[in-house]
Protein backbone atom coordinates (compact mmCIF):
# COMPACT_ATOMS: atom_id res chain seq x y z
CA UNK A 1 -48.66 97.26 -37.88
CA UNK A 2 -45.55 97.22 -40.06
CA UNK A 3 -47.17 97.01 -43.51
CA UNK A 4 -43.85 97.07 -45.37
CA UNK A 5 -42.47 94.24 -43.21
CA UNK A 6 -45.67 92.26 -43.70
CA UNK A 7 -45.49 92.71 -47.48
CA UNK A 8 -41.85 91.70 -47.49
CA UNK A 9 -42.60 88.49 -45.56
CA UNK A 10 -45.43 87.65 -47.95
CA UNK A 11 -43.22 88.31 -50.98
CA UNK A 12 -40.34 86.23 -49.59
CA UNK A 13 -42.66 83.42 -48.52
CA UNK A 14 -44.44 83.34 -51.87
CA UNK A 15 -41.27 83.25 -53.93
CA UNK A 16 -39.66 80.76 -51.56
CA UNK A 17 -42.71 78.52 -51.94
CA UNK A 18 -42.43 78.78 -55.73
CA UNK A 19 -38.75 77.79 -55.62
CA UNK A 20 -39.46 74.97 -53.18
CA UNK A 21 -42.12 73.42 -55.41
CA UNK A 22 -39.99 73.91 -58.53
CA UNK A 23 -37.18 72.11 -56.72
CA UNK A 24 -39.49 69.20 -55.92
CA UNK A 25 -40.68 68.96 -59.52
CA UNK A 26 -37.17 69.16 -60.94
CA UNK A 27 -35.86 66.59 -58.46
CA UNK A 28 -38.65 64.20 -59.49
CA UNK A 29 -37.65 64.72 -63.11
CA UNK A 30 -34.01 64.00 -62.35
CA UNK A 31 -32.75 67.58 -62.90
CA UNK A 32 -30.69 67.58 -59.72
CA UNK A 33 -28.54 70.66 -60.39
CA UNK A 34 -31.60 72.79 -61.17
CA UNK A 35 -33.42 71.34 -58.15
CA UNK A 36 -30.50 72.25 -55.87
CA UNK A 37 -30.54 75.80 -57.24
CA UNK A 38 -34.27 76.16 -56.54
CA UNK A 39 -34.01 74.72 -53.03
CA UNK A 40 -31.14 77.07 -52.25
CA UNK A 41 -33.12 80.03 -53.63
CA UNK A 42 -36.03 79.09 -51.37
CA UNK A 43 -33.68 78.95 -48.37
CA UNK A 44 -32.11 82.31 -49.24
CA UNK A 45 -35.54 83.93 -49.57
CA UNK A 46 -37.08 82.42 -46.44
CA UNK A 47 -34.47 81.01 -44.09
CA UNK A 48 -37.06 79.99 -41.49
CA UNK A 49 -38.63 77.42 -43.82
CA UNK A 50 -37.34 73.93 -42.99
CA UNK A 51 -38.99 71.99 -45.84
CA UNK A 52 -36.61 73.23 -48.55
CA UNK A 53 -33.68 72.55 -46.24
CA UNK A 54 -34.78 68.98 -45.65
CA UNK A 55 -35.45 68.40 -49.34
CA UNK A 56 -32.05 69.84 -50.26
CA UNK A 57 -30.32 67.60 -47.72
CA UNK A 58 -32.16 64.54 -49.01
CA UNK A 59 -31.32 65.43 -52.61
CA UNK A 60 -27.64 65.89 -51.77
CA UNK A 61 -27.64 62.51 -50.04
CA UNK A 62 -29.31 60.80 -52.98
CA UNK A 63 -26.66 62.07 -55.35
CA UNK A 64 -23.89 61.06 -52.93
CA UNK A 65 -22.69 64.54 -51.96
CA UNK A 66 -22.24 63.82 -48.25
CA UNK A 67 -20.08 66.91 -47.50
CA UNK A 68 -22.65 69.32 -48.97
CA UNK A 69 -25.44 67.47 -47.14
CA UNK A 70 -23.55 67.84 -43.88
CA UNK A 71 -23.08 71.54 -44.52
CA UNK A 72 -26.79 72.04 -45.25
CA UNK A 73 -27.71 70.15 -42.08
CA UNK A 74 -25.41 72.37 -40.06
CA UNK A 75 -27.04 75.47 -41.53
CA UNK A 76 -30.53 74.12 -40.79
CA UNK A 77 -29.60 73.41 -37.17
CA UNK A 78 -28.32 76.97 -36.82
CA UNK A 79 -31.71 78.28 -37.89
CA UNK A 80 -33.77 75.72 -35.96
CA UNK A 81 -32.02 73.76 -33.20
CA UNK A 82 -35.00 71.39 -33.10
CA UNK A 83 -34.67 70.47 -36.79
CA UNK A 84 -36.68 67.26 -37.37
CA UNK A 85 -35.24 63.94 -36.34
CA UNK A 86 -35.73 62.84 -39.93
CA UNK A 87 -32.89 65.17 -40.82
CA UNK A 88 -30.63 63.18 -38.53
CA UNK A 89 -31.86 59.93 -40.01
CA UNK A 90 -31.03 61.11 -43.51
CA UNK A 91 -27.69 62.56 -42.57
CA UNK A 92 -26.69 59.39 -40.70
CA UNK A 93 -27.63 57.38 -43.78
CA UNK A 94 -25.48 59.67 -45.91
CA UNK A 95 -22.53 59.19 -43.57
CA UNK A 96 -22.95 55.42 -43.88
CA UNK A 97 -23.00 55.55 -47.66
CA UNK A 98 -19.93 57.79 -47.55
CA UNK A 99 -18.19 55.07 -45.54
CA UNK A 100 -18.15 56.92 -42.22
CA UNK A 101 -20.08 54.78 -39.72
CA UNK A 102 -18.54 56.52 -36.71
CA UNK A 103 -19.98 59.84 -37.95
CA UNK A 104 -23.32 58.10 -38.58
CA UNK A 105 -23.23 56.80 -35.00
CA UNK A 106 -22.53 60.32 -33.70
CA UNK A 107 -25.40 61.81 -35.72
CA UNK A 108 -27.85 59.11 -34.67
CA UNK A 109 -26.90 59.60 -31.02
CA UNK A 110 -27.33 63.37 -31.42
CA UNK A 111 -30.79 62.86 -32.87
CA UNK A 112 -31.74 60.33 -30.20
CA UNK A 113 -30.72 62.78 -27.50
CA UNK A 114 -33.54 64.99 -28.78
CA UNK A 115 -35.97 62.32 -29.95
CA UNK A 116 -35.22 59.20 -27.88
CA UNK A 117 -38.22 57.24 -29.16
CA UNK A 118 -37.58 57.82 -32.87
CA UNK A 119 -37.47 54.35 -34.48
CA UNK A 120 -35.50 55.30 -37.59
CA UNK A 121 -32.82 57.02 -35.49
CA UNK A 122 -32.50 53.86 -33.38
CA UNK A 123 -32.16 51.90 -36.60
CA UNK A 124 -29.44 54.19 -37.96
CA UNK A 125 -27.56 53.90 -34.68
CA UNK A 126 -27.75 50.11 -34.85
CA UNK A 127 -26.58 50.06 -38.47
CA UNK A 128 -23.64 52.34 -37.66
CA UNK A 129 -22.61 50.21 -34.70
CA UNK A 130 -22.90 47.00 -36.73
CA UNK A 131 -20.82 48.48 -39.54
CA UNK A 132 -18.09 49.25 -36.99
CA UNK A 133 -18.04 45.61 -35.88
CA UNK A 134 -20.06 46.21 -32.71
CA UNK A 135 -22.77 43.60 -33.31
CA UNK A 136 -23.52 43.02 -29.63
CA UNK A 137 -24.00 46.75 -29.08
CA UNK A 138 -26.02 47.11 -32.30
CA UNK A 139 -28.63 44.52 -31.32
CA UNK A 140 -30.47 46.70 -28.78
CA UNK A 141 -31.05 49.79 -30.97
CA UNK A 142 -31.92 47.64 -34.00
CA UNK A 143 -34.43 45.62 -32.01
CA UNK A 144 -35.85 48.82 -30.46
CA UNK A 145 -36.24 50.33 -33.94
CA UNK A 146 -38.06 47.23 -35.21
CA UNK A 147 -40.36 47.00 -32.18
CA UNK A 148 -41.26 50.68 -32.60
CA UNK A 149 -42.28 50.14 -36.21
CA UNK A 150 -39.18 50.94 -38.27
CA UNK A 151 -39.66 49.50 -41.74
CA UNK A 152 -36.21 50.33 -43.11
CA UNK A 153 -35.09 47.30 -45.10
CA UNK A 154 -31.43 47.64 -44.08
CA UNK A 155 -32.44 47.72 -40.40
CA UNK A 156 -34.62 44.64 -40.78
CA UNK A 157 -31.98 42.76 -42.77
CA UNK A 158 -29.21 43.56 -40.30
CA UNK A 159 -31.38 42.56 -37.36
CA UNK A 160 -32.14 39.35 -39.26
CA UNK A 161 -28.41 38.70 -39.53
CA UNK A 162 -27.91 39.28 -35.80
CA UNK A 163 -30.76 36.94 -34.89
CA UNK A 164 -29.32 34.27 -37.20
CA UNK A 165 -25.89 34.67 -35.57
CA UNK A 166 -27.57 34.05 -32.22
CA UNK A 167 -29.36 30.94 -33.46
CA UNK A 168 -32.88 32.40 -33.68
CA UNK A 169 -33.43 31.23 -37.25
CA UNK A 170 -37.23 31.57 -37.18
CA UNK A 171 -37.05 35.25 -36.23
CA UNK A 172 -34.17 35.80 -38.66
CA UNK A 173 -36.19 34.30 -41.51
CA UNK A 174 -39.28 36.37 -40.70
CA UNK A 175 -37.27 39.59 -40.57
CA UNK A 176 -35.45 38.79 -43.81
CA UNK A 177 -38.77 38.11 -45.55
CA UNK A 178 -40.16 41.41 -44.28
CA UNK A 179 -37.02 43.24 -45.41
CA UNK A 180 -37.43 41.83 -48.92
CA UNK A 181 -41.11 42.89 -48.94
CA UNK A 182 -40.07 46.44 -48.07
CA UNK A 183 -37.27 46.51 -50.60
CA UNK A 184 -37.10 43.79 -53.27
CA UNK A 185 -33.76 45.27 -54.39
CA UNK A 186 -32.28 44.68 -50.96
CA UNK A 187 -29.24 42.76 -52.16
CA UNK A 188 -27.91 45.79 -54.06
CA UNK A 189 -28.66 48.13 -51.15
CA UNK A 190 -26.94 45.85 -48.66
CA UNK A 191 -23.84 45.73 -50.85
CA UNK A 192 -23.82 49.53 -51.19
CA UNK A 193 -24.05 49.92 -47.41
CA UNK A 194 -21.39 47.28 -46.82
CA UNK A 195 -23.78 45.04 -44.90
CA UNK A 196 -23.46 41.24 -44.91
C-alpha cells in the first residue's frame, strides 16, 4: 500500500471539501468573488470532484459570466466525459441568457445524446428552438419535457404559448397557471429570456 499517496489523497480531499463548503456558504451570502475562489481552490486540490465544478458553473451563470461558465464546463468534461446532464441544462440556460440560442440548442442536443430521457434537457432544447423562431420544432421537446415532469417555469410558459397559438386554450391556461405557481416572478424571467 502506498501510504504517502493515500495520505496525499486524504489531505487533498479534506482541503477540497473545506473549500467546496466555504464556496457554498459564501455564495449563499452573496460573496461571489470569494465563492469562485474557493470553488476553484477545491477543483485545483481535487480535480476528480464534480460538485465544486457544478457549483462554480452555476455560480458563473447566476452572475451572467457565460464565457467563464463555458470554460468551466469544458474543463469538467475533460475530467469526466459523463459530467451530469444538469451541467448541460445549466450551461444551455446560460447560453440563452447570453443571447445565444443556437449554442443553447447545441448544448441541449449534446446532453440529450447522453441522457435522452432528461426532462430539463428536453425543455432547454425546446426553449432554444422557440427562441430561434422554430415554434413547430420546439413543440415536441417542450411537450416531452412537461410530460416527463419538468417544472421549469419558462418551459411551462413557452409550451402554454404554443398551445394557445394552436387554439388549445384550456391546456394553455392550465400550463400558464402552473408556470406562475412555480415562479410567481415569471413575467420578469420571461422578459430576461426574451420569451413572449
